[in-house]
Structure formats: C-alpha cells, structure tokens
Amino acid sequence: MPPTPTPPPFQAPPSAPVYPVRQTSGLAITSLVLGLLGWTLLPFLGSVGAVVCGHMARAEIRRQAATMDGDGLAIAGLVLGWSAIGITILSVLAIVLFFGGLAVLLAALGISGQL
C-alpha cells in the first residue's frame, strides 16, 4: 500500500488591515453644542464658549492627528459661534446708530425731548 500524501500546511487567509481607533474630540463636540446653544438658549455665553472650545479642539486634533477626529465638528462650532457674535455686534451697532441718528435729527429740527 502506498504512503498517503501529507496535505499542504494550512495557511490562514490574509487578515484585513488593522487601523487605529480614532476618538472624536470632546472639545469639538462641546464646541458644536455651545454653538447651537449660542443661537438658542445662551446667546452670548454659548457663542463665546463655542469659539474658545472650537479653537482648543482644533489645536488638540492637530497635535494628535493619528488618534483624534472631529475637525468638522470643531469648525461647525466655530462658524456658529463667530456668526452669532458677529450678528450680535452688528445688531447693537445698528441700534446705537439708529437711536443716535434719531437724536441728531431731532436736535437739528429743534425738537427737544418734550413732546
């Protein structure tokens, strides 16, 4: 009886490449949440917090680019924060100019505060 041939050694199929798990930055999430709050419940404080946290998050993500994610969230928080701050400043400026111009107009017409 002839000897039985030995089977070839078992080779496992190639495994999928393992990528490091990237965490989303907590500061980026905080920036986005504060940016949304800056437009709704906390008009000025939320916007300032969104800008501060957004810049800190982007710096953190740049330092740890291999393990951190969330740059888009940080940018969204920055856009929401800066736009709310800009609109607030423009609104205050418009109100001051309107009432200041009204006061100048009334003074030029000789109308005092007594109506």
C-alpha atoms as a PDB file:
ATOM      1  CA  MET A   1       0.000   0.000   0.000  1.00  0.00           C
ATOM      2  CA  PRO A   2       1.482   3.394  -0.997  1.00  0.00           C
ATOM      3  CA  PRO A   3       2.016   6.028   1.674  1.00  0.00           C
ATOM      4  CA  THR A   4      -0.691   8.676   1.886  1.00  0.00           C
ATOM      5  CA  PRO A   5       0.443  12.094   0.778  1.00  0.00           C
ATOM      6  CA  THR A   6       0.590  14.700   3.521  1.00  0.00           C
ATOM      7  CA  PRO A   7      -1.653  17.679   2.987  1.00  0.00           C
ATOM      8  CA  PRO A   8      -0.004  21.067   2.460  1.00  0.00           C
ATOM      9  CA  PRO A   9       0.376  23.163   5.591  1.00  0.00           C
ATOM     10  CA  PHE A  10      -2.640  25.274   6.460  1.00  0.00           C
ATOM     11  CA  GLN A  11      -2.310  28.978   5.698  1.00  0.00           C
ATOM     12  CA  ALA A  12      -4.780  31.427   7.128  1.00  0.00           C
ATOM     13  CA  PRO A  13      -6.279  33.894   4.706  1.00  0.00           C
ATOM     14  CA  PRO A  14      -4.751  37.359   4.905  1.00  0.00           C
ATOM     15  CA  SER A  15      -6.491  39.432   7.534  1.00  0.00           C
ATOM     16  CA  ALA A  16      -7.878  42.894   6.961  1.00  0.00           C
ATOM     17  CA  PRO A  17      -5.535  45.716   7.866  1.00  0.00           C
ATOM     18  CA  VAL A  18      -5.983  46.978  11.400  1.00  0.00           C
ATOM     19  CA  TYR A  19      -6.465  50.717  11.651  1.00  0.00           C
ATOM     20  CA  PRO A  20      -6.108  52.584  14.929  1.00  0.00           C
ATOM     21  CA  VAL A  21      -9.374  53.605  16.523  1.00  0.00           C
ATOM     22  CA  ARG A  22      -9.837  57.351  16.250  1.00  0.00           C
ATOM     23  CA  GLN A  23     -11.673  59.089  19.055  1.00  0.00           C
ATOM     24  CA  THR A  24     -13.843  62.132  18.496  1.00  0.00           C
ATOM     25  CA  SER A  25     -12.569  65.106  20.438  1.00  0.00           C
ATOM     26  CA  GLY A  26     -14.760  66.006  23.381  1.00  0.00           C
ATOM     27  CA  LEU A  27     -13.891  69.673  22.920  1.00  0.00           C
ATOM     28  CA  ALA A  28     -15.150  69.519  19.327  1.00  0.00           C
ATOM     29  CA  ILE A  29     -18.480  68.114  20.472  1.00  0.00           C
ATOM     30  CA  THR A  30     -18.657  70.750  23.217  1.00  0.00           C
ATOM     31  CA  SER A  31     -17.937  73.482  20.668  1.00  0.00           C
ATOM     32  CA  LEU A  32     -20.778  72.331  18.442  1.00  0.00           C
ATOM     33  CA  VAL A  33     -23.232  72.072  21.351  1.00  0.00           C
ATOM     34  CA  LEU A  34     -22.262  75.517  22.668  1.00  0.00           C
ATOM     35  CA  GLY A  35     -22.554  76.950  19.162  1.00  0.00           C
ATOM     36  CA  LEU A  36     -26.114  75.663  18.942  1.00  0.00           C
ATOM     37  CA  LEU A  37     -26.856  76.986  22.425  1.00  0.00           C
ATOM     38  CA  GLY A  38     -25.424  80.341  21.356  1.00  0.00           C
ATOM     39  CA  TRP A  39     -28.195  80.617  18.777  1.00  0.00           C
ATOM     40  CA  THR A  40     -30.950  79.442  21.130  1.00  0.00           C
ATOM     41  CA  LEU A  41     -30.719  79.466  24.938  1.00  0.00           C
ATOM     42  CA  LEU A  42     -27.407  81.162  25.812  1.00  0.00           C
ATOM     43  CA  PRO A  43     -26.983  83.869  23.165  1.00  0.00           C
ATOM     44  CA  PHE A  44     -23.628  85.402  24.080  1.00  0.00           C
ATOM     45  CA  LEU A  45     -22.093  82.954  26.556  1.00  0.00           C
ATOM     46  CA  GLY A  46     -22.719  79.956  24.342  1.00  0.00           C
ATOM     47  CA  SER A  47     -21.141  81.685  21.356  1.00  0.00           C
ATOM     48  CA  VAL A  48     -18.004  82.700  23.248  1.00  0.00           C
ATOM     49  CA  GLY A  49     -17.697  79.185  24.686  1.00  0.00           C
ATOM     50  CA  ALA A  50     -18.109  77.700  21.204  1.00  0.00           C
ATOM     51  CA  VAL A  51     -15.296  79.844  19.836  1.00  0.00           C
ATOM     52  CA  VAL A  52     -12.942  79.048  22.712  1.00  0.00           C
ATOM     53  CA  CYS A  53     -13.670  75.302  22.680  1.00  0.00           C
ATOM     54  CA  GLY A  54     -13.517  75.193  18.875  1.00  0.00           C
ATOM     55  CA  HIS A  55     -10.023  76.673  18.743  1.00  0.00           C
ATOM     56  CA  MET A  56      -8.841  74.414  21.558  1.00  0.00           C
ATOM     57  CA  ALA A  57     -10.339  71.363  19.824  1.00  0.00           C
ATOM     58  CA  ARG A  58      -8.659  72.151  16.505  1.00  0.00           C
ATOM     59  CA  ALA A  59      -5.303  72.521  18.257  1.00  0.00           C
ATOM     60  CA  GLU A  60      -5.826  69.217  20.092  1.00  0.00           C
ATOM     61  CA  ILE A  61      -6.780  67.443  16.855  1.00  0.00           C
ATOM     62  CA  ARG A  62      -3.704  68.811  15.043  1.00  0.00           C
ATOM     63  CA  ARG A  63      -1.425  67.660  17.887  1.00  0.00           C
ATOM     64  CA  GLN A  64      -2.887  64.135  17.937  1.00  0.00           C
ATOM     65  CA  ALA A  65      -3.841  63.694  14.275  1.00  0.00           C
ATOM     66  CA  ALA A  66      -3.373  59.912  14.325  1.00  0.00           C
ATOM     67  CA  THR A  67      -5.776  59.290  17.190  1.00  0.00           C
ATOM     68  CA  MET A  68      -8.175  62.277  17.244  1.00  0.00           C
ATOM     69  CA  ASP A  69     -11.076  63.071  14.968  1.00  0.00           C
ATOM     70  CA  GLY A  70     -13.780  65.745  14.941  1.00  0.00           C
ATOM     71  CA  ASP A  71     -12.287  68.636  13.000  1.00  0.00           C
ATOM     72  CA  GLY A  72     -15.576  69.156  11.169  1.00  0.00           C
ATOM     73  CA  LEU A  73     -17.467  69.399  14.446  1.00  0.00           C
ATOM     74  CA  ALA A  74     -14.993  71.970  15.736  1.00  0.00           C
ATOM     75  CA  ILE A  75     -15.291  74.028  12.549  1.00  0.00           C
ATOM     76  CA  ALA A  76     -19.094  73.913  12.751  1.00  0.00           C
ATOM     77  CA  GLY A  77     -18.939  75.156  16.347  1.00  0.00           C
ATOM     78  CA  LEU A  78     -16.562  77.933  15.323  1.00  0.00           C
ATOM     79  CA  VAL A  79     -18.799  79.039  12.462  1.00  0.00           C
ATOM     80  CA  LEU A  80     -21.880  79.050  14.683  1.00  0.00           C
ATOM     81  CA  GLY A  81     -20.057  80.910  17.465  1.00  0.00           C
ATOM     82  CA  TRP A  82     -18.386  83.563  15.315  1.00  0.00           C
ATOM     83  CA  SER A  83     -21.514  84.199  13.256  1.00  0.00           C
ATOM     84  CA  ALA A  84     -23.656  84.684  16.382  1.00  0.00           C
ATOM     85  CA  ILE A  85     -21.049  87.061  17.839  1.00  0.00           C
ATOM     86  CA  GLY A  86     -20.883  88.994  14.562  1.00  0.00           C
ATOM     87  CA  ILE A  87     -24.645  89.316  14.281  1.00  0.00           C
ATOM     88  CA  THR A  88     -24.852  90.464  17.917  1.00  0.00           C
ATOM     89  CA  ILE A  89     -22.221  93.155  17.368  1.00  0.00           C
ATOM     90  CA  LEU A  90     -23.872  94.344  14.153  1.00  0.00           C
ATOM     91  CA  SER A  91     -27.283  94.453  15.855  1.00  0.00           C
ATOM     92  CA  VAL A  92     -26.005  96.518  18.779  1.00  0.00           C
ATOM     93  CA  LEU A  93     -24.207  98.844  16.361  1.00  0.00           C
ATOM     94  CA  ALA A  94     -27.368  99.273  14.262  1.00  0.00           C
ATOM     95  CA  ILE A  95     -29.461 100.087  17.343  1.00  0.00           C
ATOM     96  CA  VAL A  96     -26.945 102.638  18.612  1.00  0.00           C
ATOM     97  CA  LEU A  97     -26.633 104.268  15.190  1.00  0.00           C
ATOM     98  CA  PHE A  98     -30.404 104.336  14.712  1.00  0.00           C
ATOM     99  CA  PHE A  99     -31.176 105.992  18.021  1.00  0.00           C
ATOM    100  CA  GLY A 100     -28.112 108.235  17.798  1.00  0.00           C
ATOM    101  CA  GLY A 101     -29.133 109.343  14.320  1.00  0.00           C
ATOM    102  CA  LEU A 102     -32.671 109.911  15.533  1.00  0.00           C
ATOM    103  CA  ALA A 103     -31.374 112.091  18.370  1.00  0.00           C
ATOM    104  CA  VAL A 104     -29.227 114.125  15.956  1.00  0.00           C
ATOM    105  CA  LEU A 105     -32.172 114.547  13.578  1.00  0.00           C
ATOM    106  CA  LEU A 106     -34.490 115.708  16.349  1.00  0.00           C
ATOM    107  CA  ALA A 107     -31.846 118.135  17.633  1.00  0.00           C
ATOM    108  CA  ALA A 108     -31.345 119.533  14.130  1.00  0.00           C
ATOM    109  CA  LEU A 109     -35.086 120.094  13.795  1.00  0.00           C
ATOM    110  CA  GLY A 110     -35.170 121.865  17.148  1.00  0.00           C
ATOM    111  CA  ILE A 111     -37.389 119.277  18.780  1.00  0.00           C
ATOM    112  CA  SER A 112     -36.432 118.594  22.345  1.00  0.00           C
ATOM    113  CA  GLY A 113     -37.342 115.562  24.403  1.00  0.00           C
ATOM    114  CA  GLN A 114     -40.642 117.184  25.361  1.00  0.00           C
ATOM    115  CA  LEU A 115     -43.364 116.072  23.010  1.00  0.00           C
END
